[in-house]
PDB file of N, CA and C in Angstrom:
ATOM      1  N   MET A   1      15.510   3.974 -66.315  1.00  0.00           N
ATOM      2  CA  MET A   1      14.981   5.316 -66.103  1.00  0.00           C
ATOM      3  C   MET A   1      14.717   5.508 -64.613  1.00  0.00           C
ATOM      4  N   GLU A   2      15.201   6.595 -64.108  1.00  0.00           N
ATOM      5  CA  GLU A   2      15.028   6.906 -62.686  1.00  0.00           C
ATOM      6  C   GLU A   2      13.643   7.484 -62.443  1.00  0.00           C
ATOM      7  N   LYS A   3      13.047   7.136 -61.318  1.00  0.00           N
ATOM      8  CA  LYS A   3      11.743   7.675 -60.940  1.00  0.00           C
ATOM      9  C   LYS A   3      11.918   8.596 -59.741  1.00  0.00           C
ATOM     10  N   LEU A   4      11.183   9.662 -59.771  1.00  0.00           N
ATOM     11  CA  LEU A   4      11.151  10.591 -58.648  1.00  0.00           C
ATOM     12  C   LEU A   4       9.781  10.526 -58.015  1.00  0.00           C
ATOM     13  N   GLN A   5       9.720  10.784 -56.745  1.00  0.00           N
ATOM     14  CA  GLN A   5       8.442  10.825 -56.065  1.00  0.00           C
ATOM     15  C   GLN A   5       8.188  12.266 -55.639  1.00  0.00           C
ATOM     16  N   ILE A   6       7.002  12.748 -55.943  1.00  0.00           N
ATOM     17  CA  ILE A   6       6.630  14.114 -55.575  1.00  0.00           C
ATOM     18  C   ILE A   6       5.337  14.085 -54.774  1.00  0.00           C
ATOM     19  N   GLU A   7       5.118  15.122 -54.023  1.00  0.00           N
ATOM     20  CA  GLU A   7       3.880  15.246 -53.271  1.00  0.00           C
ATOM     21  C   GLU A   7       2.938  16.148 -54.057  1.00  0.00           C
ATOM     22  N   ARG A   8       1.691  15.741 -54.154  1.00  0.00           N
ATOM     23  CA  ARG A   8       0.714  16.574 -54.847  1.00  0.00           C
ATOM     24  C   ARG A   8      -0.584  16.586 -54.072  1.00  0.00           C
ATOM     25  N   ILE A   9      -1.401  17.545 -54.365  1.00  0.00           N
ATOM     26  CA  ILE A   9      -2.712  17.657 -53.725  1.00  0.00           C
ATOM     27  C   ILE A   9      -3.690  16.764 -54.469  1.00  0.00           C
ATOM     28  N   LYS A  10      -4.461  15.990 -53.717  1.00  0.00           N
ATOM     29  CA  LYS A  10      -5.465  15.111 -54.322  1.00  0.00           C
ATOM     30  C   LYS A  10      -6.554  15.968 -54.970  1.00  0.00           C
ATOM     31  N   ASN A  11      -7.040  15.535 -56.117  1.00  0.00           N
ATOM     32  CA  ASN A  11      -8.095  16.280 -56.804  1.00  0.00           C
ATOM     33  C   ASN A  11      -9.346  16.421 -55.949  1.00  0.00           C
ATOM     34  N   GLU A  12      -9.659  15.419 -55.158  1.00  0.00           N
ATOM     35  CA  GLU A  12     -10.873  15.456 -54.350  1.00  0.00           C
ATOM     36  C   GLU A  12     -10.652  16.139 -53.005  1.00  0.00           C
ATOM     37  N   GLY A  13      -9.411  16.565 -52.729  1.00  0.00           N
ATOM     38  CA  GLY A  13      -9.096  17.201 -51.451  1.00  0.00           C
ATOM     39  C   GLY A  13      -9.728  18.577 -51.325  1.00  0.00           C
ATOM     40  N   ILE A  14     -10.277  18.871 -50.147  1.00  0.00           N
ATOM     41  CA  ILE A  14     -10.816  20.194 -49.833  1.00  0.00           C
ATOM     42  C   ILE A  14      -9.857  20.824 -48.831  1.00  0.00           C
ATOM     43  N   ILE A  15      -9.297  21.961 -49.171  1.00  0.00           N
ATOM     44  CA  ILE A  15      -8.257  22.581 -48.377  1.00  0.00           C
ATOM     45  C   ILE A  15      -8.807  23.825 -47.697  1.00  0.00           C
ATOM     46  N   ASP A  16      -8.731  23.871 -46.384  1.00  0.00           N
ATOM     47  CA  ASP A  16      -9.130  25.061 -45.635  1.00  0.00           C
ATOM     48  C   ASP A  16      -7.919  25.968 -45.534  1.00  0.00           C
ATOM     49  N   ILE A  17      -8.089  27.225 -45.941  1.00  0.00           N
ATOM     50  CA  ILE A  17      -6.994  28.182 -45.820  1.00  0.00           C
ATOM     51  C   ILE A  17      -7.515  29.451 -45.163  1.00  0.00           C
ATOM     52  N   LYS A  18      -6.603  30.198 -44.597  1.00  0.00           N
ATOM     53  CA  LYS A  18      -6.950  31.501 -44.032  1.00  0.00           C
ATOM     54  C   LYS A  18      -6.263  32.556 -44.871  1.00  0.00           C
ATOM     55  N   LEU A  19      -6.988  33.631 -45.178  1.00  0.00           N
ATOM     56  CA  LEU A  19      -6.383  34.744 -45.895  1.00  0.00           C
ATOM     57  C   LEU A  19      -7.053  36.027 -45.462  1.00  0.00           C
ATOM     58  N   SER A  20      -6.327  37.093 -45.576  1.00  0.00           N
ATOM     59  CA  SER A  20      -6.834  38.395 -45.140  1.00  0.00           C
ATOM     60  C   SER A  20      -7.645  39.057 -46.247  1.00  0.00           C
ATOM     61  N   GLY A  21      -8.415  40.051 -45.851  1.00  0.00           N
ATOM     62  CA  GLY A  21      -9.163  40.832 -46.832  1.00  0.00           C
ATOM     63  C   GLY A  21      -8.249  41.547 -47.804  1.00  0.00           C
ATOM     64  N   SER A  22      -7.085  41.977 -47.322  1.00  0.00           N
ATOM     65  CA  SER A  22      -6.156  42.665 -48.223  1.00  0.00           C
ATOM     66  C   SER A  22      -5.587  41.694 -49.257  1.00  0.00           C
ATOM     67  N   PHE A  23      -5.369  40.439 -48.885  1.00  0.00           N
ATOM     68  CA  PHE A  23      -4.893  39.464 -49.862  1.00  0.00           C
ATOM     69  C   PHE A  23      -6.006  39.148 -50.864  1.00  0.00           C
ATOM     70  N   TYR A  24      -7.249  39.098 -50.391  1.00  0.00           N
ATOM     71  CA  TYR A  24      -8.383  38.893 -51.297  1.00  0.00           C
ATOM     72  C   TYR A  24      -8.429  40.017 -52.336  1.00  0.00           C
ATOM     73  N   LYS A  25      -8.158  41.245 -51.924  1.00  0.00           N
ATOM     74  CA  LYS A  25      -8.135  42.359 -52.882  1.00  0.00           C
ATOM     75  C   LYS A  25      -7.073  42.131 -53.951  1.00  0.00           C
ATOM     76  N   ARG A  26      -5.943  41.540 -53.564  1.00  0.00           N
ATOM     77  CA  ARG A  26      -4.897  41.230 -54.543  1.00  0.00           C
ATOM     78  C   ARG A  26      -5.382  40.157 -55.521  1.00  0.00           C
ATOM     79  N   ILE A  27      -6.132  39.198 -55.021  1.00  0.00           N
ATOM     80  CA  ILE A  27      -6.693  38.161 -55.907  1.00  0.00           C
ATOM     81  C   ILE A  27      -7.665  38.810 -56.891  1.00  0.00           C
ATOM     82  N   GLN A  28      -8.475  39.758 -56.413  1.00  0.00           N
ATOM     83  CA  GLN A  28      -9.380  40.488 -57.298  1.00  0.00           C
ATOM     84  C   GLN A  28      -8.593  41.250 -58.362  1.00  0.00           C
ATOM     85  N   GLN A  29      -7.460  41.824 -57.984  1.00  0.00           N
ATOM     86  CA  GLN A  29      -6.629  42.539 -58.956  1.00  0.00           C
ATOM     87  C   GLN A  29      -6.132  41.584 -60.040  1.00  0.00           C
ATOM     88  N   VAL A  30      -5.769  40.372 -59.641  1.00  0.00           N
ATOM     89  CA  VAL A  30      -5.336  39.367 -60.620  1.00  0.00           C
ATOM     90  C   VAL A  30      -6.483  39.062 -61.581  1.00  0.00           C
ATOM     91  N   LEU A  31      -7.681  38.848 -61.039  1.00  0.00           N
ATOM     92  CA  LEU A  31      -8.848  38.570 -61.889  1.00  0.00           C
ATOM     93  C   LEU A  31      -9.112  39.733 -62.838  1.00  0.00           C
ATOM     94  N   ASN A  32      -9.092  40.945 -62.324  1.00  0.00           N
ATOM     95  CA  ASN A  32      -9.353  42.111 -63.177  1.00  0.00           C
ATOM     96  C   ASN A  32      -8.305  42.246 -64.269  1.00  0.00           C
ATOM     97  N   PHE A  33      -7.037  41.994 -63.934  1.00  0.00           N
ATOM     98  CA  PHE A  33      -5.978  42.074 -64.933  1.00  0.00           C
ATOM     99  C   PHE A  33      -6.176  41.026 -66.022  1.00  0.00           C
ATOM    100  N   ILE A  34      -6.420  39.786 -65.613  1.00  0.00           N
ATOM    101  CA  ILE A  34      -6.603  38.708 -66.593  1.00  0.00           C
ATOM    102  C   ILE A  34      -7.828  38.991 -67.464  1.00  0.00           C
ATOM    103  N   ALA A  35      -8.890  39.469 -66.840  1.00  0.00           N
ATOM    104  CA  ALA A  35     -10.108  39.765 -67.600  1.00  0.00           C
ATOM    105  C   ALA A  35      -9.866  40.887 -68.602  1.00  0.00           C
ATOM    106  N   SER A  36      -8.974  41.825 -68.280  1.00  0.00           N
ATOM    107  CA  SER A  36      -8.739  42.971 -69.161  1.00  0.00           C
ATOM    108  C   SER A  36      -7.885  42.622 -70.381  1.00  0.00           C
ATOM    109  N   ILE A  37      -7.303  41.441 -70.403  1.00  0.00           N
ATOM    110  CA  ILE A  37      -6.464  41.046 -71.535  1.00  0.00           C
ATOM    111  C   ILE A  37      -7.287  40.933 -72.818  1.00  0.00           C
ATOM    112  N   GLU A  38      -8.510  40.483 -72.675  1.00  0.00           N
ATOM    113  CA  GLU A  38      -9.414  40.377 -73.825  1.00  0.00           C
ATOM    114  C   GLU A  38     -10.369  41.565 -73.825  1.00  0.00           C
ATOM    115  N   ASP A  39     -11.116  41.727 -74.905  1.00  0.00           N
ATOM    116  CA  ASP A  39     -12.063  42.838 -74.977  1.00  0.00           C
ATOM    117  C   ASP A  39     -13.334  42.532 -74.192  1.00  0.00           C
ATOM    118  N   LYS A  40     -14.165  43.560 -74.004  1.00  0.00           N
ATOM    119  CA  LYS A  40     -15.397  43.412 -73.217  1.00  0.00           C
ATOM    120  C   LYS A  40     -16.331  42.360 -73.809  1.00  0.00           C
ATOM    121  N   ASP A  41     -16.347  42.238 -75.129  1.00  0.00           N
ATOM    122  CA  ASP A  41     -17.221  41.246 -75.763  1.00  0.00           C
ATOM    123  C   ASP A  41     -16.826  39.822 -75.372  1.00  0.00           C
ATOM    124  N   SER A  42     -15.527  39.585 -75.226  1.00  0.00           N
ATOM    125  CA  SER A  42     -15.061  38.262 -74.817  1.00  0.00           C
ATOM    126  C   SER A  42     -15.539  37.933 -73.407  1.00  0.00           C
ATOM    127  N   LEU A  43     -15.491  38.927 -72.522  1.00  0.00           N
ATOM    128  CA  LEU A  43     -15.953  38.726 -71.155  1.00  0.00           C
ATOM    129  C   LEU A  43     -17.460  38.488 -71.131  1.00  0.00           C
ATOM    130  N   THR A  44     -18.186  39.255 -71.925  1.00  0.00           N
ATOM    131  CA  THR A  44     -19.636  39.056 -72.014  1.00  0.00           C
ATOM    132  C   THR A  44     -19.955  37.666 -72.556  1.00  0.00           C
ATOM    133  N   ASP A  45     -19.211  37.212 -73.569  1.00  0.00           N
ATOM    134  CA  ASP A  45     -19.408  35.865 -74.121  1.00  0.00           C
ATOM    135  C   ASP A  45     -19.146  34.796 -73.063  1.00  0.00           C
ATOM    136  N   LEU A  46     -18.099  34.988 -72.261  1.00  0.00           N
ATOM    137  CA  LEU A  46     -17.799  34.027 -71.196  1.00  0.00           C
ATOM    138  C   LEU A  46     -18.931  33.982 -70.186  1.00  0.00           C
ATOM    139  N   ILE A  47     -19.418  35.126 -69.773  1.00  0.00           N
ATOM    140  CA  ILE A  47     -20.513  35.159 -68.797  1.00  0.00           C
ATOM    141  C   ILE A  47     -21.753  34.495 -69.376  1.00  0.00           C
ATOM    142  N   ASP A  48     -22.018  34.700 -70.665  1.00  0.00           N
ATOM    143  CA  ASP A  48     -23.143  34.010 -71.313  1.00  0.00           C
ATOM    144  C   ASP A  48     -22.941  32.497 -71.264  1.00  0.00           C
ATOM    145  N   LYS A  49     -21.717  32.036 -71.531  1.00  0.00           N
ATOM    146  CA  LYS A  49     -21.429  30.595 -71.475  1.00  0.00           C
ATOM    147  C   LYS A  49     -21.651  30.056 -70.067  1.00  0.00           C
ATOM    148  N   LEU A  50     -21.215  30.824 -69.067  1.00  0.00           N
ATOM    149  CA  LEU A  50     -21.408  30.383 -67.682  1.00  0.00           C
ATOM    150  C   LEU A  50     -22.887  30.314 -67.330  1.00  0.00           C
ATOM    151  N   ASN A  51     -23.646  31.333 -67.734  1.00  0.00           N
ATOM    152  CA  ASN A  51     -25.082  31.334 -67.459  1.00  0.00           C
ATOM    153  C   ASN A  51     -25.811  30.219 -68.195  1.00  0.00           C
ATOM    154  N   ASP A  52     -25.321  29.867 -69.387  1.00  0.00           N
ATOM    155  CA  ASP A  52     -25.927  28.790 -70.176  1.00  0.00           C
ATOM    156  C   ASP A  52     -25.372  27.425 -69.796  1.00  0.00           C
ATOM    157  N   GLU A  53     -24.475  27.402 -68.797  1.00  0.00           N
ATOM    158  CA  GLU A  53     -23.856  26.173 -68.302  1.00  0.00           C
ATOM    159  C   GLU A  53     -23.180  25.371 -69.406  1.00  0.00           C
ATOM    160  N   VAL A  54     -22.486  26.085 -70.290  1.00  0.00           N
ATOM    161  CA  VAL A  54     -21.706  25.446 -71.347  1.00  0.00           C
ATOM    162  C   VAL A  54     -20.543  24.706 -70.686  1.00  0.00           C
ATOM    163  N   SER A  55     -20.247  23.515 -71.153  1.00  0.00           N
ATOM    164  CA  SER A  55     -19.149  22.730 -70.611  1.00  0.00           C
ATOM    165  C   SER A  55     -17.830  23.472 -70.764  1.00  0.00           C
ATOM    166  N   ASP A  56     -17.044  23.479 -69.689  1.00  0.00           N
ATOM    167  CA  ASP A  56     -15.770  24.197 -69.768  1.00  0.00           C
ATOM    168  C   ASP A  56     -14.769  23.523 -70.701  1.00  0.00           C
ATOM    169  N   GLU A  57     -15.101  22.353 -71.203  1.00  0.00           N
ATOM    170  CA  GLU A  57     -14.266  21.716 -72.228  1.00  0.00           C
ATOM    171  C   GLU A  57     -14.249  22.550 -73.504  1.00  0.00           C
ATOM    172  N   ASN A  58     -15.277  23.388 -73.663  1.00  0.00           N
ATOM    173  CA  ASN A  58     -15.390  24.238 -74.843  1.00  0.00           C
ATOM    174  C   ASN A  58     -14.830  25.641 -74.605  1.00  0.00           C
ATOM    175  N   PHE A  59     -14.164  25.854 -73.478  1.00  0.00           N
ATOM    176  CA  PHE A  59     -13.620  27.166 -73.147  1.00  0.00           C
ATOM    177  C   PHE A  59     -12.219  27.318 -73.723  1.00  0.00           C
ATOM    178  N   SER A  60     -11.883  28.540 -74.069  1.00  0.00           N
ATOM    179  CA  SER A  60     -10.505  28.854 -74.435  1.00  0.00           C
ATOM    180  C   SER A  60      -9.672  28.863 -73.149  1.00  0.00           C
ATOM    181  N   GLU A  61      -8.367  28.915 -73.304  1.00  0.00           N
ATOM    182  CA  GLU A  61      -7.493  28.955 -72.121  1.00  0.00           C
ATOM    183  C   GLU A  61      -7.798  30.198 -71.287  1.00  0.00           C
ATOM    184  N   TRP A  62      -7.990  31.333 -71.934  1.00  0.00           N
ATOM    185  CA  TRP A  62      -8.312  32.571 -71.234  1.00  0.00           C
ATOM    186  C   TRP A  62      -9.620  32.422 -70.456  1.00  0.00           C
ATOM    187  N   GLU A  63     -10.640  31.828 -71.076  1.00  0.00           N
ATOM    188  CA  GLU A  63     -11.927  31.653 -70.406  1.00  0.00           C
ATOM    189  C   GLU A  63     -11.790  30.751 -69.177  1.00  0.00           C
ATOM    190  N   THR A  64     -11.006  29.698 -69.295  1.00  0.00           N
ATOM    191  CA  THR A  64     -10.802  28.789 -68.165  1.00  0.00           C
ATOM    192  C   THR A  64     -10.122  29.510 -67.007  1.00  0.00           C
ATOM    193  N   VAL A  65      -9.127  30.321 -67.319  1.00  0.00           N
ATOM    194  CA  VAL A  65      -8.396  31.055 -66.279  1.00  0.00           C
ATOM    195  C   VAL A  65      -9.323  32.055 -65.584  1.00  0.00           C
ATOM    196  N   VAL A  66     -10.081  32.809 -66.353  1.00  0.00           N
ATOM    197  CA  VAL A  66     -10.989  33.802 -65.766  1.00  0.00           C
ATOM    198  C   VAL A  66     -12.063  33.108 -64.941  1.00  0.00           C
ATOM    199  N   GLU A  67     -12.638  32.025 -65.448  1.00  0.00           N
ATOM    200  CA  GLU A  67     -13.662  31.299 -64.686  1.00  0.00           C
ATOM    201  C   GLU A  67     -13.078  30.789 -63.369  1.00  0.00           C
ATOM    202  N   THR A  68     -11.876  30.255 -63.406  1.00  0.00           N
ATOM    203  CA  THR A  68     -11.234  29.744 -62.195  1.00  0.00           C
ATOM    204  C   THR A  68     -11.085  30.841 -61.147  1.00  0.00           C
ATOM    205  N   MET A  69     -10.628  32.004 -61.567  1.00  0.00           N
ATOM    206  CA  MET A  69     -10.470  33.121 -60.638  1.00  0.00           C
ATOM    207  C   MET A  69     -11.823  33.619 -60.125  1.00  0.00           C
ATOM    208  N   MET A  70     -12.844  33.598 -60.975  1.00  0.00           N
ATOM    209  CA  MET A  70     -14.182  34.009 -60.543  1.00  0.00           C
ATOM    210  C   MET A  70     -14.721  33.050 -59.482  1.00  0.00           C
ATOM    211  N   ILE A  71     -14.504  31.763 -59.688  1.00  0.00           N
ATOM    212  CA  ILE A  71     -14.957  30.762 -58.715  1.00  0.00           C
ATOM    213  C   ILE A  71     -14.221  30.947 -57.398  1.00  0.00           C
ATOM    214  N   LEU A  72     -12.899  31.171 -57.463  1.00  0.00           N
ATOM    215  CA  LEU A  72     -12.110  31.392 -56.252  1.00  0.00           C
ATOM    216  C   LEU A  72     -12.629  32.611 -55.495  1.00  0.00           C
ATOM    217  N   CYS A  73     -12.849  33.713 -56.185  1.00  0.00           N
ATOM    218  CA  CYS A  73     -13.359  34.927 -55.534  1.00  0.00           C
ATOM    219  C   CYS A  73     -14.741  34.693 -54.934  1.00  0.00           C
ATOM    220  N   SER A  74     -15.587  33.996 -55.645  1.00  0.00           N
ATOM    221  CA  SER A  74     -16.930  33.710 -55.157  1.00  0.00           C
ATOM    222  C   SER A  74     -16.892  32.868 -53.882  1.00  0.00           C
ATOM    223  N   GLU A  75     -16.036  31.864 -53.864  1.00  0.00           N
ATOM    224  CA  GLU A  75     -15.916  31.011 -52.678  1.00  0.00           C
ATOM    225  C   GLU A  75     -15.384  31.802 -51.488  1.00  0.00           C
ATOM    226  N   ILE A  76     -14.405  32.661 -51.717  1.00  0.00           N
ATOM    227  CA  ILE A  76     -13.866  33.494 -50.640  1.00  0.00           C
ATOM    228  C   ILE A  76     -14.958  34.411 -50.098  1.00  0.00           C
ATOM    229  N   GLU A  77     -15.735  35.026 -50.997  1.00  0.00           N
ATOM    230  CA  GLU A  77     -16.810  35.919 -50.574  1.00  0.00           C
ATOM    231  C   GLU A  77     -17.863  35.174 -49.759  1.00  0.00           C
ATOM    232  N   THR A  78     -18.219  33.970 -50.185  1.00  0.00           N
ATOM    233  CA  THR A  78     -19.210  33.170 -49.463  1.00  0.00           C
ATOM    234  C   THR A  78     -18.720  32.842 -48.060  1.00  0.00           C
ATOM    235  N   LYS A  79     -17.482  32.379 -47.949  1.00  0.00           N
ATOM    236  CA  LYS A  79     -16.913  32.021 -46.641  1.00  0.00           C
ATOM    237  C   LYS A  79     -16.774  33.250 -45.747  1.00  0.00           C
ATOM    238  N   ALA A  80     -16.354  34.380 -46.322  1.00  0.00           N
ATOM    239  CA  ALA A  80     -16.226  35.608 -45.537  1.00  0.00           C
ATOM    240  C   ALA A  80     -17.578  36.010 -44.954  1.00  0.00           C
ATOM    241  N   LYS A  81     -18.619  35.919 -45.757  1.00  0.00           N
ATOM    242  CA  LYS A  81     -19.956  36.277 -45.283  1.00  0.00           C
ATOM    243  C   LYS A  81     -20.422  35.313 -44.202  1.00  0.00           C
ATOM    244  N   GLU A  82     -20.237  34.006 -44.431  1.00  0.00           N
ATOM    245  CA  GLU A  82     -20.638  32.993 -43.442  1.00  0.00           C
ATOM    246  C   GLU A  82     -19.936  33.215 -42.104  1.00  0.00           C
ATOM    247  N   GLN A  83     -18.696  33.681 -42.147  1.00  0.00           N
ATOM    248  CA  GLN A  83     -17.891  33.826 -40.942  1.00  0.00           C
ATOM    249  C   GLN A  83     -17.966  35.228 -40.342  1.00  0.00           C
ATOM    250  N   GLY A  84     -18.853  36.071 -40.889  1.00  0.00           N
ATOM    251  CA  GLY A  84     -19.059  37.403 -40.334  1.00  0.00           C
ATOM    252  C   GLY A  84     -17.935  38.386 -40.610  1.00  0.00           C
ATOM    253  N   HIS A  85     -17.225  38.185 -41.706  1.00  0.00           N
ATOM    254  CA  HIS A  85     -16.107  39.069 -42.039  1.00  0.00           C
ATOM    255  C   HIS A  85     -16.449  40.056 -43.160  1.00  0.00           C
ATOM    256  N   THR A  86     -17.723  40.367 -43.319  1.00  0.00           N
ATOM    257  CA  THR A  86     -18.125  41.338 -44.334  1.00  0.00           C
ATOM    258  C   THR A  86     -18.786  42.532 -43.649  1.00  0.00           C
ATOM    259  N   GLU A  87     -18.861  43.626 -44.363  1.00  0.00           N
ATOM    260  CA  GLU A  87     -19.524  44.821 -43.863  1.00  0.00           C
ATOM    261  C   GLU A  87     -20.167  45.546 -45.026  1.00  0.00           C
ATOM    262  N   MET A  88     -21.197  46.299 -44.745  1.00  0.00           N
ATOM    263  CA  MET A  88     -21.851  47.106 -45.762  1.00  0.00           C
ATOM    264  C   MET A  88     -21.160  48.460 -45.802  1.00  0.00           C
ATOM    265  N   VAL A  89     -20.821  48.923 -47.005  1.00  0.00           N
ATOM    266  CA  VAL A  89     -20.181  50.229 -47.179  1.00  0.00           C
ATOM    267  C   VAL A  89     -20.877  50.977 -48.307  1.00  0.00           C
ATOM    268  N   ASP A  90     -20.827  52.289 -48.259  1.00  0.00           N
ATOM    269  CA  ASP A  90     -21.381  53.119 -49.324  1.00  0.00           C
ATOM    270  C   ASP A  90     -20.321  53.322 -50.399  1.00  0.00           C
ATOM    271  N   ILE A  91     -20.728  53.268 -51.654  1.00  0.00           N
ATOM    272  CA  ILE A  91     -19.820  53.527 -52.766  1.00  0.00           C
ATOM    273  C   ILE A  91     -20.476  54.514 -53.720  1.00  0.00           C
ATOM    274  N   GLU A  92     -19.669  55.242 -54.448  1.00  0.00           N
ATOM    275  CA  GLU A  92     -20.164  56.140 -55.483  1.00  0.00           C
ATOM    276  C   GLU A  92     -20.457  55.317 -56.730  1.00  0.00           C
ATOM    277  N   VAL A  93     -21.592  55.526 -57.338  1.00  0.00           N
ATOM    278  CA  VAL A  93     -21.970  54.803 -58.548  1.00  0.00           C
ATOM    279  C   VAL A  93     -22.049  55.793 -59.694  1.00  0.00           C
ATOM    280  N   THR A  94     -21.352  55.464 -60.767  1.00  0.00           N
ATOM    281  CA  THR A  94     -21.404  56.301 -61.961  1.00  0.00           C
ATOM    282  C   THR A  94     -22.067  55.496 -63.071  1.00  0.00           C
ATOM    283  N   PRO A  95     -22.730  56.170 -63.972  1.00  0.00           N
ATOM    284  CA  PRO A  95     -23.367  55.445 -65.082  1.00  0.00           C
ATOM    285  C   PRO A  95     -22.334  54.650 -65.875  1.00  0.00           C
ATOM    286  N   THR A  96     -22.755  53.506 -66.346  1.00  0.00           N
ATOM    287  CA  THR A  96     -21.854  52.647 -67.116  1.00  0.00           C
ATOM    288  C   THR A  96     -22.451  52.380 -68.480  1.00  0.00           C
ATOM    289  N   THR A  97     -21.596  52.047 -69.419  1.00  0.00           N
ATOM    290  CA  THR A  97     -22.074  51.782 -70.764  1.00  0.00           C
ATOM    291  C   THR A  97     -22.096  50.299 -71.077  1.00  0.00           C
ATOM    292  N   THR A  98     -21.724  49.450 -70.121  1.00  0.00           N
ATOM    293  CA  THR A  98     -21.697  48.020 -70.382  1.00  0.00           C
ATOM    294  C   THR A  98     -23.047  47.386 -70.100  1.00  0.00           C
ATOM    295  N   ASP A  99     -23.384  46.426 -70.894  1.00  0.00           N
ATOM    296  CA  ASP A  99     -24.612  45.674 -70.711  1.00  0.00           C
ATOM    297  C   ASP A  99     -24.297  44.222 -70.370  1.00  0.00           C
ATOM    298  N   ALA A 100     -23.168  43.987 -69.705  1.00  0.00           N
ATOM    299  CA  ALA A 100     -22.749  42.629 -69.383  1.00  0.00           C
ATOM    300  C   ALA A 100     -23.738  41.982 -68.427  1.00  0.00           C
ATOM    301  N   PRO A 101     -24.157  40.751 -68.730  1.00  0.00           N
ATOM    302  CA  PRO A 101     -25.084  40.052 -67.834  1.00  0.00           C
ATOM    303  C   PRO A 101     -24.356  39.594 -66.574  1.00  0.00           C
ATOM    304  N   THR A 102     -25.126  39.309 -65.519  1.00  0.00           N
ATOM    305  CA  THR A 102     -24.521  38.793 -64.297  1.00  0.00           C
ATOM    306  C   THR A 102     -24.170  37.330 -64.484  1.00  0.00           C
ATOM    307  N   ALA A 103     -23.196  36.857 -63.730  1.00  0.00           N
ATOM    308  CA  ALA A 103     -22.767  35.452 -63.808  1.00  0.00           C
ATOM    309  C   ALA A 103     -23.413  34.667 -62.681  1.00  0.00           C
ATOM    310  N   ASN A 104     -23.810  33.468 -62.953  1.00  0.00           N
ATOM    311  CA  ASN A 104     -24.378  32.571 -61.947  1.00  0.00           C
ATOM    312  C   ASN A 104     -23.324  31.555 -61.553  1.00  0.00           C
ATOM    313  N   LEU A 105     -22.494  31.879 -60.599  1.00  0.00           N
ATOM    314  CA  LEU A 105     -21.449  30.955 -60.159  1.00  0.00           C
ATOM    315  C   LEU A 105     -21.908  30.194 -58.957  1.00  0.00           C
TER     316      LEU A 105
END
C-alpha cells in the first residue's frame, strides 16, 4: 500500500490571520444562513446549551457548525476591538417577537 504525505495544521496551533471588515460581514452572512436552516426554537435550544455549558459531544451536526461560526465571529470581534478597528454607529431598532437568550461565548 502506497503512503502519501500531506501537510496539516496542528490542533494546538494558533494562526494569526488578517481579514477585512467586509470579509467579516461575509462570515456573518454564512452564520446567519446556517442558523436559518433550522427553526428559531432550535437556535434558542442551542443558545441554552451554550449558556448551560453542555458538552459539544451532545450537539447535533447543525449545532456544532453554528457554534463554530459563532466562536469565529466572537474571536474576530474581540480582536477587532483590541486593535481599534471598531466604531460606534446608530441603528434603527424595531420591536422583535423573539425571546432568545444571549449566548455566553
